[in-house]
Protein backbone atom coordinates (compact mmCIF):
# COMPACT_ATOMS: atom_id res chain seq x y z
CA UNK A 1 -109.21 -29.54 -71.56
CA UNK A 2 -108.27 -28.21 -68.07
CA UNK A 3 -111.02 -25.91 -66.78
CA UNK A 4 -109.40 -25.15 -63.38
CA UNK A 5 -108.45 -21.55 -62.59
CA UNK A 6 -104.85 -20.57 -63.31
CA UNK A 7 -102.46 -20.26 -60.37
CA UNK A 8 -102.13 -16.61 -59.31
CA UNK A 9 -98.42 -15.69 -59.18
CA UNK A 10 -96.55 -12.57 -58.00
CA UNK A 11 -92.94 -11.71 -58.91
CA UNK A 12 -90.61 -10.05 -56.38
CA UNK A 13 -87.17 -9.00 -57.69
CA UNK A 14 -85.24 -5.72 -57.65
CA UNK A 15 -83.94 -6.22 -61.22
CA UNK A 16 -86.31 -5.15 -63.98
CA UNK A 17 -84.72 -7.47 -66.56
CA UNK A 18 -85.38 -10.48 -64.30
CA UNK A 19 -88.99 -9.42 -63.78
CA UNK A 20 -89.47 -9.08 -67.55
CA UNK A 21 -88.04 -12.54 -68.17
CA UNK A 22 -90.21 -14.18 -65.53
CA UNK A 23 -93.28 -12.31 -66.78
CA UNK A 24 -92.68 -13.70 -70.26
CA UNK A 25 -92.59 -17.27 -68.88
CA UNK A 26 -95.76 -16.80 -66.84
CA UNK A 27 -97.72 -15.04 -69.56
CA UNK A 28 -97.11 -17.85 -72.06
CA UNK A 29 -98.50 -20.57 -69.80
CA UNK A 30 -102.27 -20.94 -69.42
CA UNK A 31 -101.89 -22.63 -66.03
CA UNK A 32 -100.39 -19.47 -64.52
CA UNK A 33 -101.62 -15.90 -64.08
CA UNK A 34 -99.33 -12.98 -63.24
CA UNK A 35 -101.11 -10.76 -60.69
CA UNK A 36 -98.38 -8.27 -59.86
CA UNK A 37 -94.70 -7.38 -59.46
CA UNK A 38 -92.67 -5.75 -56.69
CA UNK A 39 -89.08 -4.54 -56.34
CA UNK A 40 -88.36 -5.35 -52.67
CA UNK A 41 -89.67 -7.14 -49.60
CA UNK A 42 -91.74 -4.23 -48.31
CA UNK A 43 -93.51 -3.86 -51.65
CA UNK A 44 -94.03 -7.65 -51.69
CA UNK A 45 -96.03 -7.50 -48.46
CA UNK A 46 -98.14 -4.63 -49.78
CA UNK A 47 -98.70 -6.54 -53.04
CA UNK A 48 -99.84 -9.66 -51.17
CA UNK A 49 -102.26 -7.55 -49.15
CA UNK A 50 -103.82 -6.17 -52.33
CA UNK A 51 -103.79 -9.12 -54.73
CA UNK A 52 -103.64 -12.25 -52.52
CA UNK A 53 -101.48 -14.34 -54.92
CA UNK A 54 -101.28 -18.09 -54.44
CA UNK A 55 -97.54 -18.35 -55.19
CA UNK A 56 -94.85 -15.69 -54.77
CA UNK A 57 -91.54 -15.88 -56.68
CA UNK A 58 -89.15 -14.27 -54.19
CA UNK A 59 -85.63 -12.92 -54.70
CA UNK A 60 -83.47 -12.72 -51.53
CA UNK A 61 -81.09 -9.75 -51.64
CA UNK A 62 -83.16 -6.60 -52.13
CA UNK A 63 -83.24 -3.04 -50.73
CA UNK A 64 -85.34 -1.97 -47.73
CA UNK A 65 -86.42 -5.52 -46.76
CA UNK A 66 -84.71 -8.70 -47.89
CA UNK A 67 -86.50 -11.77 -49.20
CA UNK A 68 -86.05 -13.89 -46.08
CA UNK A 69 -87.72 -11.32 -43.84
CA UNK A 70 -90.50 -10.75 -46.40
CA UNK A 71 -91.06 -14.53 -46.61
CA UNK A 72 -91.35 -14.71 -42.83
CA UNK A 73 -93.95 -11.93 -42.74
CA UNK A 74 -95.97 -13.39 -45.62
CA UNK A 75 -95.94 -16.86 -44.06
CA UNK A 76 -97.17 -15.47 -40.73
CA UNK A 77 -99.93 -13.27 -42.17
CA UNK A 78 -101.11 -15.41 -45.07
CA UNK A 79 -100.20 -19.08 -44.52
CA UNK A 80 -102.07 -20.06 -47.71
CA UNK A 81 -99.64 -18.04 -49.88
CA UNK A 82 -96.73 -20.26 -50.93
CA UNK A 83 -93.30 -18.65 -51.39
CA UNK A 84 -90.87 -20.05 -53.98
CA UNK A 85 -87.42 -18.51 -53.66
CA UNK A 86 -85.69 -17.74 -56.95
CA UNK A 87 -82.14 -16.51 -56.37
CA UNK A 88 -78.48 -16.84 -57.34
CA UNK A 89 -77.21 -17.70 -53.87
CA UNK A 90 -76.23 -21.20 -52.75
CA UNK A 91 -74.85 -20.34 -49.29
CA UNK A 92 -76.23 -22.57 -46.56
CA UNK A 93 -77.38 -19.72 -44.34
CA UNK A 94 -79.42 -18.26 -47.20
CA UNK A 95 -81.05 -21.59 -48.09
CA UNK A 96 -81.78 -22.58 -44.50
CA UNK A 97 -82.89 -19.07 -43.60
CA UNK A 98 -85.43 -19.01 -46.44
CA UNK A 99 -86.80 -22.46 -45.62
CA UNK A 100 -86.98 -21.65 -41.91
CA UNK A 101 -88.88 -18.47 -42.78
CA UNK A 102 -91.56 -20.55 -44.52
CA UNK A 103 -90.49 -20.87 -48.17
CA UNK A 104 -91.83 -24.00 -49.89
CA UNK A 105 -89.14 -24.07 -52.52
CA UNK A 106 -85.65 -22.81 -53.35
CA UNK A 107 -84.52 -22.54 -56.98
CA UNK A 108 -81.60 -20.88 -58.72
CA UNK A 109 -82.07 -18.30 -61.46
CA UNK A 110 -80.48 -20.58 -64.05
CA UNK A 111 -83.55 -22.86 -63.86
CA UNK A 112 -85.17 -23.72 -67.18
CA UNK A 113 -88.56 -22.21 -67.93
CA UNK A 114 -90.48 -25.50 -67.96
CA UNK A 115 -88.85 -26.56 -64.69
CA UNK A 116 -89.86 -23.24 -63.11
CA UNK A 117 -93.46 -23.75 -64.19
CA UNK A 118 -93.44 -27.28 -62.77
CA UNK A 119 -92.01 -25.97 -59.49
CA UNK A 120 -94.71 -23.28 -59.21
CA UNK A 121 -97.43 -25.88 -59.68
CA UNK A 122 -95.74 -28.21 -57.19
CA UNK A 123 -95.55 -25.65 -54.37
CA UNK A 124 -99.13 -24.58 -55.15
CA UNK A 125 -100.17 -28.17 -54.45
CA UNK A 126 -98.35 -27.98 -51.12
CA UNK A 127 -95.23 -29.84 -52.22
CA UNK A 128 -91.62 -28.76 -51.85
CA UNK A 129 -89.08 -28.21 -54.60
CA UNK A 130 -85.40 -27.48 -53.94
CA UNK A 131 -82.64 -27.14 -56.53
CA UNK A 132 -80.10 -29.95 -56.56
CA UNK A 133 -77.29 -27.51 -55.79
CA UNK A 134 -79.17 -26.28 -52.73
CA UNK A 135 -79.87 -29.84 -51.55
CA UNK A 136 -76.19 -30.67 -51.84
CA UNK A 137 -75.29 -27.55 -49.85
CA UNK A 138 -77.71 -28.54 -47.06
CA UNK A 139 -76.39 -32.12 -47.05
CA UNK A 140 -72.79 -30.99 -46.74
CA UNK A 141 -73.76 -28.49 -44.06
CA UNK A 142 -75.47 -31.22 -42.06
CA UNK A 143 -72.39 -33.43 -42.30
CA UNK A 144 -70.09 -30.60 -41.19
CA UNK A 145 -72.47 -29.75 -38.33
CA UNK A 146 -72.38 -33.37 -37.16
CA UNK A 147 -68.57 -33.28 -37.26
CA UNK A 148 -68.45 -30.01 -35.33
CA UNK A 149 -70.93 -31.25 -32.72
CA UNK A 150 -69.03 -34.49 -32.26
CA UNK A 151 -65.76 -32.59 -31.74
CA UNK A 152 -67.41 -30.13 -29.34
CA UNK A 153 -68.87 -32.90 -27.18
CA UNK A 154 -65.70 -34.95 -26.79
CA UNK A 155 -62.72 -34.25 -24.50
CA UNK A 156 -59.93 -32.19 -26.04
CA UNK A 157 -57.57 -34.74 -27.55
CA UNK A 158 -55.81 -34.99 -30.89
CA UNK A 159 -56.40 -38.77 -30.80
CA UNK A 160 -60.17 -38.32 -30.48
CA UNK A 161 -60.08 -35.55 -33.06
CA UNK A 162 -58.33 -37.91 -35.47
CA UNK A 163 -61.01 -40.55 -34.85
CA UNK A 164 -63.77 -38.04 -35.63
CA UNK A 165 -62.05 -37.03 -38.88
CA UNK A 166 -61.68 -40.67 -39.86
CA UNK A 167 -65.40 -41.16 -39.29
CA UNK A 168 -66.62 -38.13 -41.25
CA UNK A 169 -64.10 -36.95 -43.85
CA UNK A 170 -64.35 -39.89 -46.30
CA UNK A 171 -68.09 -39.15 -46.57
CA UNK A 172 -67.53 -35.42 -46.94
CA UNK A 173 -64.74 -35.80 -49.51
CA UNK A 174 -65.38 -39.07 -51.39
CA UNK A 175 -62.79 -39.98 -54.03
CA UNK A 176 -60.27 -37.55 -52.56
CA UNK A 177 -56.85 -38.21 -51.11
CA UNK A 178 -56.96 -36.38 -47.75
CA UNK A 179 -54.14 -35.21 -45.51
CA UNK A 180 -54.46 -33.15 -42.32
CA UNK A 181 -51.23 -32.11 -40.66
CA UNK A 182 -50.37 -30.17 -37.49
CA UNK A 183 -47.14 -28.25 -37.98
CA UNK A 184 -44.37 -29.18 -37.81
CA UNK A 185 -44.76 -32.62 -39.31
CA UNK A 186 -47.47 -34.24 -37.17
CA UNK A 187 -49.96 -36.20 -39.29
CA UNK A 188 -53.39 -35.81 -37.71
CA UNK A 189 -55.26 -37.74 -40.41
CA UNK A 190 -54.60 -39.36 -43.79
CA UNK A 191 -56.93 -41.14 -46.20
CA UNK A 192 -56.34 -43.61 -47.63
CA UNK A 193 -53.77 -44.99 -45.23
CA UNK A 194 -51.29 -45.54 -48.07
CA UNK A 195 -51.08 -42.35 -50.10
CA UNK A 196 -50.14 -42.52 -53.76
CA UNK A 197 -49.21 -38.85 -54.10
CA UNK A 198 -48.55 -37.34 -50.66
CA UNK A 199 -47.72 -33.65 -50.37
CA UNK A 200 -43.92 -33.43 -49.98
CA UNK A 201 -42.30 -31.79 -46.96
CA UNK A 202 -41.42 -28.80 -49.12
CA UNK A 203 -45.11 -28.40 -49.94
CA UNK A 204 -46.07 -28.29 -46.27
CA UNK A 205 -43.21 -25.86 -45.62
CA UNK A 206 -44.57 -23.60 -48.34
CA UNK A 207 -48.08 -23.73 -46.82
CA UNK A 208 -46.69 -22.69 -43.42
CA UNK A 209 -45.82 -19.32 -44.93
CA UNK A 210 -49.21 -18.72 -46.58
CA UNK A 211 -52.49 -17.69 -44.99
CA UNK A 212 -54.90 -18.35 -47.88
CA UNK A 213 -56.30 -21.43 -49.60
CA UNK A 214 -54.59 -22.35 -52.87
CA UNK A 215 -55.73 -24.50 -55.81
CA UNK A 216 -53.25 -26.12 -58.21
CA UNK A 217 -54.94 -27.02 -61.49
CA UNK A 218 -53.83 -29.26 -64.34
CA UNK A 219 -50.36 -28.40 -65.59
CA UNK A 220 -49.76 -25.70 -62.96
CA UNK A 221 -46.24 -25.41 -61.57
CA UNK A 222 -45.78 -25.97 -57.83
CA UNK A 223 -43.84 -23.29 -55.91
CA UNK A 224 -41.68 -26.04 -54.37
CA UNK A 225 -40.90 -27.60 -57.76
CA UNK A 226 -42.70 -29.93 -60.16
CA UNK A 227 -45.92 -29.66 -62.13
CA UNK A 228 -49.47 -30.75 -61.31
CA UNK A 229 -50.25 -34.03 -63.04
CA UNK A 230 -52.92 -34.04 -65.75
CA UNK A 231 -56.28 -35.22 -64.44
CA UNK A 232 -55.63 -34.02 -60.88
CA UNK A 233 -56.45 -30.93 -58.81
CA UNK A 234 -54.69 -30.20 -55.51
CA UNK A 235 -56.10 -27.96 -52.81
CA UNK A 236 -53.96 -26.77 -49.91
CA UNK A 237 -55.57 -24.83 -47.06
CA UNK A 238 -53.94 -23.50 -43.87
CA UNK A 239 -55.38 -24.12 -40.41
CA UNK A 240 -54.97 -20.74 -38.80
CA UNK A 241 -53.91 -20.38 -35.20
CA UNK A 242 -54.54 -17.51 -32.82
CA UNK A 243 -51.22 -17.83 -31.02
CA UNK A 244 -48.76 -18.63 -33.81
CA UNK A 245 -46.78 -16.53 -36.26
CA UNK A 246 -48.42 -18.44 -39.10
CA UNK A 247 -50.69 -21.42 -39.73
CA UNK A 248 -50.61 -24.17 -37.09
CA UNK A 249 -51.53 -26.85 -39.58
CA UNK A 250 -52.79 -27.58 -43.05
CA UNK A 251 -55.21 -29.60 -45.17
CA UNK A 252 -54.48 -31.27 -48.50
CA UNK A 253 -57.24 -32.50 -50.82
CA UNK A 254 -56.23 -34.21 -54.06
CA UNK A 255 -58.82 -35.19 -56.67
CA UNK A 256 -57.82 -37.90 -59.10
CA UNK A 257 -59.43 -38.84 -62.41
CA UNK A 258 -62.42 -36.51 -62.00
CA UNK A 259 -63.12 -32.79 -62.15
CA UNK A 260 -64.61 -31.46 -58.91
CA UNK A 261 -67.04 -28.60 -58.49
CA UNK A 262 -64.51 -25.91 -57.58
CA UNK A 263 -66.83 -23.60 -55.55
CA UNK A 264 -68.19 -26.59 -53.64
CA UNK A 265 -64.67 -27.94 -53.00
CA UNK A 266 -63.29 -24.62 -51.75
CA UNK A 267 -66.38 -23.98 -49.62
CA UNK A 268 -66.12 -27.40 -48.02
CA UNK A 269 -62.39 -26.95 -47.40
CA UNK A 270 -63.00 -23.57 -45.75
CA UNK A 271 -65.69 -25.10 -43.53
CA UNK A 272 -63.31 -27.88 -42.47
CA UNK A 273 -60.45 -25.49 -41.70
CA UNK A 274 -62.83 -23.34 -39.64
CA UNK A 275 -63.86 -26.37 -37.55
CA UNK A 276 -60.25 -27.47 -37.08
CA UNK A 277 -59.10 -23.95 -36.22
CA UNK A 278 -61.67 -23.73 -33.43
CA UNK A 279 -61.01 -27.30 -32.24
CA UNK A 280 -57.22 -26.90 -32.04
CA UNK A 281 -57.52 -23.46 -30.42
CA UNK A 282 -59.90 -24.89 -27.81
CA UNK A 283 -57.55 -27.78 -27.12
CA UNK A 284 -54.66 -25.37 -26.64
CA UNK A 285 -56.67 -23.15 -24.27
CA UNK A 286 -58.11 -26.08 -22.33
CA UNK A 287 -54.58 -27.30 -21.67
CA UNK A 288 -53.54 -24.09 -19.96
CA UNK A 289 -53.32 -24.21 -16.17
CA UNK A 290 -55.77 -21.84 -14.44
CA UNK A 291 -53.52 -21.65 -11.39
CA UNK A 292 -50.50 -20.08 -13.04
CA UNK A 293 -49.02 -17.09 -11.29
CA UNK A 294 -49.41 -13.83 -13.16
CA UNK A 295 -45.71 -13.19 -13.68
CA UNK A 296 -44.06 -10.66 -15.93
CA UNK A 297 -42.91 -13.50 -18.18
CA UNK A 298 -46.51 -14.62 -18.66
CA UNK A 299 -47.65 -11.09 -19.39
CA UNK A 300 -44.90 -10.81 -21.99
CA UNK A 301 -46.08 -14.10 -23.47
CA UNK A 302 -49.65 -12.76 -23.55
CA UNK A 303 -48.42 -9.67 -25.36
CA UNK A 304 -46.70 -11.80 -27.99
CA UNK A 305 -49.87 -13.89 -28.33
CA UNK A 306 -51.96 -10.82 -28.99
CA UNK A 307 -49.52 -9.16 -31.37
CA UNK A 308 -49.54 -12.26 -33.57
CA UNK A 309 -53.32 -12.08 -33.91
CA UNK A 310 -53.18 -8.68 -35.58
CA UNK A 311 -52.82 -8.56 -39.39
CA UNK A 312 -49.35 -7.52 -40.49
CA UNK A 313 -50.78 -5.09 -43.06
CA UNK A 314 -54.27 -4.02 -44.13
CA UNK A 315 -55.65 -5.55 -47.34
CA UNK A 316 -55.31 -3.73 -50.64
CA UNK A 317 -58.00 -3.61 -53.30
CA UNK A 318 -58.88 -1.15 -56.06
CA UNK A 319 -60.72 1.99 -55.07
CA UNK A 320 -60.09 1.74 -51.32
CA UNK A 321 -57.52 3.01 -48.83
CA UNK A 322 -57.18 1.29 -45.45
CA UNK A 323 -54.97 1.96 -42.43
CA UNK A 324 -54.95 0.55 -38.90
CA UNK A 325 -52.92 0.85 -35.70
CA UNK A 326 -52.98 -0.54 -32.18
CA UNK A 327 -51.14 1.21 -29.34
CA UNK A 328 -51.19 -1.01 -26.21
CA UNK A 329 -50.95 0.68 -22.82
CA UNK A 330 -49.08 -2.21 -21.17
CA UNK A 331 -47.60 -5.60 -22.04
CA UNK A 332 -51.03 -6.86 -23.04
CA UNK A 333 -53.90 -5.16 -24.81
CA UNK A 334 -57.65 -5.67 -24.70
CA UNK A 335 -58.07 -4.07 -28.13
CA UNK A 336 -57.67 -5.79 -31.49
CA UNK A 337 -58.74 -5.52 -35.11
CA UNK A 338 -58.84 -7.87 -38.08
CA UNK A 339 -59.41 -8.04 -41.83
CA UNK A 340 -61.03 -11.32 -42.90
CA UNK A 341 -61.15 -12.43 -46.56
CA UNK A 342 -64.58 -13.86 -47.40
CA UNK A 343 -66.26 -15.51 -50.36
CA UNK A 344 -67.06 -13.55 -53.54
CA UNK A 345 -64.35 -10.92 -52.88
CA UNK A 346 -66.00 -9.63 -49.71
CA UNK A 347 -64.01 -8.59 -46.63
CA UNK A 348 -64.86 -8.77 -42.95
CA UNK A 349 -63.75 -5.61 -41.09
CA UNK A 350 -63.48 -5.93 -37.31
CA UNK A 351 -62.47 -3.78 -34.35
CA UNK A 352 -63.03 -5.04 -30.81
CA UNK A 353 -62.24 -4.42 -27.16
CA UNK A 354 -62.01 -7.03 -24.36
CA UNK A 355 -63.07 -5.74 -20.96
CA UNK A 356 -59.95 -6.83 -19.07
CA UNK A 357 -56.17 -7.06 -19.33
CA UNK A 358 -53.57 -9.70 -18.51
CA UNK A 359 -53.12 -13.36 -19.38
CA UNK A 360 -56.77 -14.36 -18.95
CA UNK A 361 -57.93 -11.56 -21.20
CA UNK A 362 -55.24 -12.45 -23.75
CA UNK A 363 -56.51 -16.04 -23.92
CA UNK A 364 -60.10 -14.78 -24.13
CA UNK A 365 -59.08 -12.42 -26.92
CA UNK A 366 -57.30 -15.22 -28.81
CA UNK A 367 -60.35 -17.44 -28.56
CA UNK A 368 -62.73 -14.66 -29.63
CA UNK A 369 -60.48 -13.80 -32.57
CA UNK A 370 -60.47 -17.43 -33.74
CA UNK A 371 -64.24 -17.74 -33.26
CA UNK A 372 -65.01 -14.53 -35.14
CA UNK A 373 -62.84 -15.65 -38.04
CA UNK A 374 -64.51 -19.07 -38.01
CA UNK A 375 -68.07 -17.77 -38.10
CA UNK A 376 -67.24 -14.87 -40.42
CA UNK A 377 -66.18 -17.41 -43.04
CA UNK A 378 -69.21 -19.60 -42.31
CA UNK A 379 -71.67 -16.71 -42.63
CA UNK A 380 -70.04 -14.46 -45.26
CA UNK A 381 -73.16 -12.34 -45.86
CA UNK A 382 -74.73 -12.22 -42.38
CA UNK A 383 -72.66 -10.38 -39.75
CA UNK A 384 -75.44 -10.58 -37.15
CA UNK A 385 -75.57 -14.36 -37.43
CA UNK A 386 -71.77 -14.57 -37.22
CA UNK A 387 -71.64 -12.61 -33.94
CA UNK A 388 -74.65 -14.47 -32.55
CA UNK A 389 -72.80 -17.75 -33.13
CA UNK A 390 -69.69 -16.34 -31.44
CA UNK A 391 -71.79 -15.29 -28.46
CA UNK A 392 -73.21 -18.80 -28.14
CA UNK A 393 -69.70 -20.26 -28.10
CA UNK A 394 -68.56 -17.74 -25.48
CA UNK A 395 -71.27 -18.96 -23.12
CA UNK A 396 -70.76 -22.66 -23.91
CA UNK A 397 -66.95 -22.69 -23.85
CA UNK A 398 -65.70 -19.71 -21.80
CA UNK A 399 -67.43 -18.97 -18.51
CA UNK A 400 -64.94 -16.43 -17.24
CA UNK A 401 -67.14 -13.35 -16.83
CA UNK A 402 -65.37 -11.42 -19.60
CA UNK A 403 -67.15 -9.72 -22.45
CA UNK A 404 -66.23 -8.10 -25.73
CA UNK A 405 -67.47 -5.01 -27.55
CA UNK A 406 -67.13 -5.29 -31.31
CA UNK A 407 -67.95 -3.52 -34.54
CA UNK A 408 -68.03 -6.04 -37.39
CA UNK A 409 -68.95 -5.27 -40.99
CA UNK A 410 -68.92 -7.16 -44.28
CA UNK A 411 -67.60 -4.94 -47.06
CA UNK A 412 -68.41 -5.40 -50.75
CA UNK A 413 -65.59 -3.36 -52.33
CA UNK A 414 -67.13 -3.32 -55.80
CA UNK A 415 -70.49 -1.91 -54.64
CA UNK A 416 -69.36 0.11 -51.63
CA UNK A 417 -71.92 -1.57 -49.36
CA UNK A 418 -71.07 -2.42 -45.75
CA UNK A 419 -73.45 -4.67 -43.81
CA UNK A 420 -72.60 -4.23 -40.16
CA UNK A 421 -73.38 -5.05 -36.56
CA UNK A 422 -72.31 -2.90 -33.61
CA UNK A 423 -72.14 -5.04 -30.46
CA UNK A 424 -71.91 -2.40 -27.75
CA UNK A 425 -68.89 -0.73 -29.35
CA UNK A 426 -68.07 2.96 -29.80
CA UNK A 427 -70.10 4.15 -32.81
CA UNK A 428 -67.73 4.55 -35.79
CA UNK A 429 -67.68 7.97 -37.45
CA UNK A 430 -68.67 8.26 -41.13
CA UNK A 431 -67.49 11.39 -42.92
CA UNK A 432 -68.76 12.42 -46.33
CA UNK A 433 -66.20 13.16 -49.00
CA UNK A 434 -67.03 16.86 -49.26
CA UNK A 435 -66.52 19.54 -46.66
CA UNK A 436 -69.68 20.78 -45.03
CA UNK A 437 -71.40 17.40 -45.26
CA UNK A 438 -72.64 16.35 -41.79
CA UNK A 439 -70.87 13.65 -39.81
CA UNK A 440 -72.81 10.42 -39.28
CA UNK A 441 -72.29 7.70 -36.71
CA UNK A 442 -72.98 3.97 -36.99
CA UNK A 443 -74.78 3.36 -33.67
CA UNK A 444 -74.91 0.29 -31.49
CA UNK A 445 -77.27 -2.40 -32.81
CA UNK A 446 -77.07 -4.65 -29.75
CA UNK A 447 -75.17 -5.33 -26.55
CA UNK A 448 -71.59 -6.54 -26.07
CA UNK A 449 -70.72 -10.19 -26.66
CA UNK A 450 -70.67 -12.34 -23.53
CA UNK A 451 -73.22 -10.26 -21.57
CA UNK A 452 -76.39 -12.25 -22.27
CA UNK A 453 -76.82 -15.73 -23.71
CA UNK A 454 -80.10 -14.65 -25.35
CA UNK A 455 -78.78 -11.43 -26.88
CA UNK A 456 -79.67 -10.54 -30.47
CA UNK A 457 -78.19 -8.00 -32.85
CA UNK A 458 -79.76 -5.94 -35.60
CA UNK A 459 -77.96 -5.88 -38.92
CA UNK A 460 -77.71 -2.58 -40.79
CA UNK A 461 -76.43 -1.39 -44.16
CA UNK A 462 -74.47 1.68 -45.21
CA UNK A 463 -73.20 2.49 -48.71
CA UNK A 464 -69.96 4.38 -49.31
CA UNK A 465 -69.71 7.03 -51.99
CA UNK A 466 -66.31 8.02 -53.40
CA UNK A 467 -64.52 10.18 -50.84
CA UNK A 468 -66.40 8.77 -47.82
CA UNK A 469 -64.27 7.83 -44.81
CA UNK A 470 -65.18 5.56 -41.90
CA UNK A 471 -63.19 5.92 -38.65
CA UNK A 472 -63.48 2.94 -36.27
CA UNK A 473 -61.86 3.28 -32.86
CA UNK A 474 -61.81 1.94 -29.31
CA UNK A 475 -62.64 3.90 -26.16
CA UNK A 476 -58.96 4.42 -25.35
CA UNK A 477 -59.01 7.22 -27.94
CA UNK A 478 -61.96 9.26 -26.69
CA UNK A 479 -61.24 8.48 -23.01
CA UNK A 480 -57.56 9.45 -23.19
CA UNK A 481 -56.98 12.08 -20.48
CA UNK A 482 -54.55 14.90 -19.86
CA UNK A 483 -52.85 15.83 -16.58
CA UNK A 484 -55.88 17.89 -15.54
CA UNK A 485 -58.17 14.88 -15.89
CA UNK A 486 -60.00 16.14 -18.99
CA UNK A 487 -60.97 13.54 -21.64
CA UNK A 488 -60.03 13.79 -25.29
CA UNK A 489 -63.75 13.17 -26.06
CA UNK A 490 -65.82 12.46 -29.17
CA UNK A 491 -65.89 16.15 -30.06
CA UNK A 492 -62.09 16.45 -30.18
CA UNK A 493 -61.85 13.27 -32.25
CA UNK A 494 -64.32 14.67 -34.79
CA UNK A 495 -62.45 17.98 -34.89
CA UNK A 496 -59.18 16.11 -35.48
CA UNK A 497 -60.45 14.27 -38.54
CA UNK A 498 -62.99 16.72 -40.01
CA UNK A 499 -60.44 18.78 -41.96
CA UNK A 500 -58.40 15.74 -43.05
CA UNK A 501 -61.16 13.67 -44.66
CA UNK A 502 -59.71 14.12 -48.16
CA UNK A 503 -56.23 12.93 -47.15
CA UNK A 504 -54.95 9.36 -47.21
CA UNK A 505 -56.05 6.82 -44.61
CA UNK A 506 -52.50 6.74 -43.21
CA UNK A 507 -52.49 10.54 -42.85
CA UNK A 508 -55.83 10.50 -41.02
CA UNK A 509 -54.52 7.76 -38.74
CA UNK A 510 -51.35 9.74 -37.96
CA UNK A 511 -53.43 12.86 -37.31
CA UNK A 512 -55.60 11.08 -34.74
CA UNK A 513 -52.71 9.62 -32.78
CA UNK A 514 -50.78 12.88 -33.04
CA UNK A 515 -53.68 14.92 -31.64
CA UNK A 516 -54.25 12.42 -28.82
CA UNK A 517 -50.53 12.49 -27.94
CA UNK A 518 -50.47 16.30 -27.85
CA UNK A 519 -53.59 16.40 -25.71
CA UNK A 520 -52.45 13.85 -23.11
CA UNK A 521 -48.90 15.25 -22.88
CA UNK A 522 -47.56 11.92 -21.56
CA UNK A 523 -50.13 11.73 -18.76
CA UNK A 524 -49.89 8.27 -17.11
CA UNK A 525 -52.42 5.41 -16.88
CA UNK A 526 -53.83 5.61 -20.39
CA UNK A 527 -55.90 2.81 -21.92
CA UNK A 528 -55.18 0.81 -25.08
CA UNK A 529 -55.91 2.66 -28.31
CA UNK A 530 -56.90 1.15 -31.65
CA UNK A 531 -58.06 2.85 -34.85
CA UNK A 532 -59.07 1.49 -38.26
CA UNK A 533 -59.59 3.88 -41.19
CA UNK A 534 -61.64 2.75 -44.21
CA UNK A 535 -61.77 5.20 -47.13
CA UNK A 536 -63.37 4.82 -50.55
CA UNK A 537 -61.25 6.66 -53.06
CA UNK A 538 -63.15 5.75 -56.24
């Protein structure tokens, strides 16, 4: 008979049904003792202070304080308390963030009861237990990081890039037929050398007109003709370019005689396209001559480059109304915006302003746009980490003295939550759906990108109710001036939109530009103007 004291365990989860289920498991095992429950990270810290558990079962996404931050605090204050993460998330940044914060284990909520008990006892003994899915995610992430580092450290060359892909891709995608092509028709990498079922030219032509990853499952009809063979799955993914009308290349992954893990396959493909997007954009920029004369032809080219970065239309999804417009003051613009599709039906919403104009600023803008898209996809739940990674790349790759203000948020359309970072940008205006409700602003949470290599950004959360409207804008709106030198100002902008909050996003957008135009009365030397309207209708 085991006479040792039971392990004291606390449960931290914001869902009551999860807490009840975990309590049932703990209460039926003599080796474990439930000493308390909490609904968020802040309560978890208070609970640890009062009860001093030996093991904490920690969820990650919770109100007030998330599980990673709570784990970090617990690990610092009470090193003897072991944290075992129990979550539904398998994203690399979540896993690595929890382990870096001090967690001894990382399990998924589909774990069996007896395996959970064994894991609790293991971390109590000082061991580590990580779910197989999480281990695989970390392994793939390490392999992709090695590929990215190798590409970053070598001279810009498609030949060297091809060698790096040949070295890494067979390990990342074993048992796959792999094709990487730069449009039009340049094979960057193929594996194996002799392909049994290469993507036809019509397939690559189709991909050139599409901006999103596409899976073709068993028996599915191809848009270019034919049907997917039984026992095979084909993935096609575009490599997006900052200076092209469409994708600059594409990736094909064909599985044969086995069924892949679809989320893992698509996640890995998105990671590879992000690396290739950045690598090919950097090669293009590195090949530009710094001594070119700033001619009108080049400025026109810069204008075309920038216009192609902007989305053709805002995204559409149920319960939301979105509108956006950019009005450049000259051939080139320092302002831009973007809508970035992310995992799990989330969307990245971006508005930004480069501090200069002309060809150099256009190239800087193109690079920043590509980098933000790259790291937005890599960190689909952590906007602060995405912008921090962009800032690091600005200092390592672009030492031109330019910087970028940006407001970037990750929208969950189904919940109405927007996790955001404001990097030195004009605070967006949030209007409640009913008249008389006060106007809120989403303030700066850090400095502009490119100002300091050691800069950090705080991440904040706002939740939209039906009827709420968010107006994002650049300083060209509020600093627009009339012939007497007076500025349009924040106050006039708020007045312009206050009485139109219940109208469509397009109507609000037209109202803003109409009021600015009437105020300035064609006064010269205006700045670029960009506005994005985000409205929750239901």
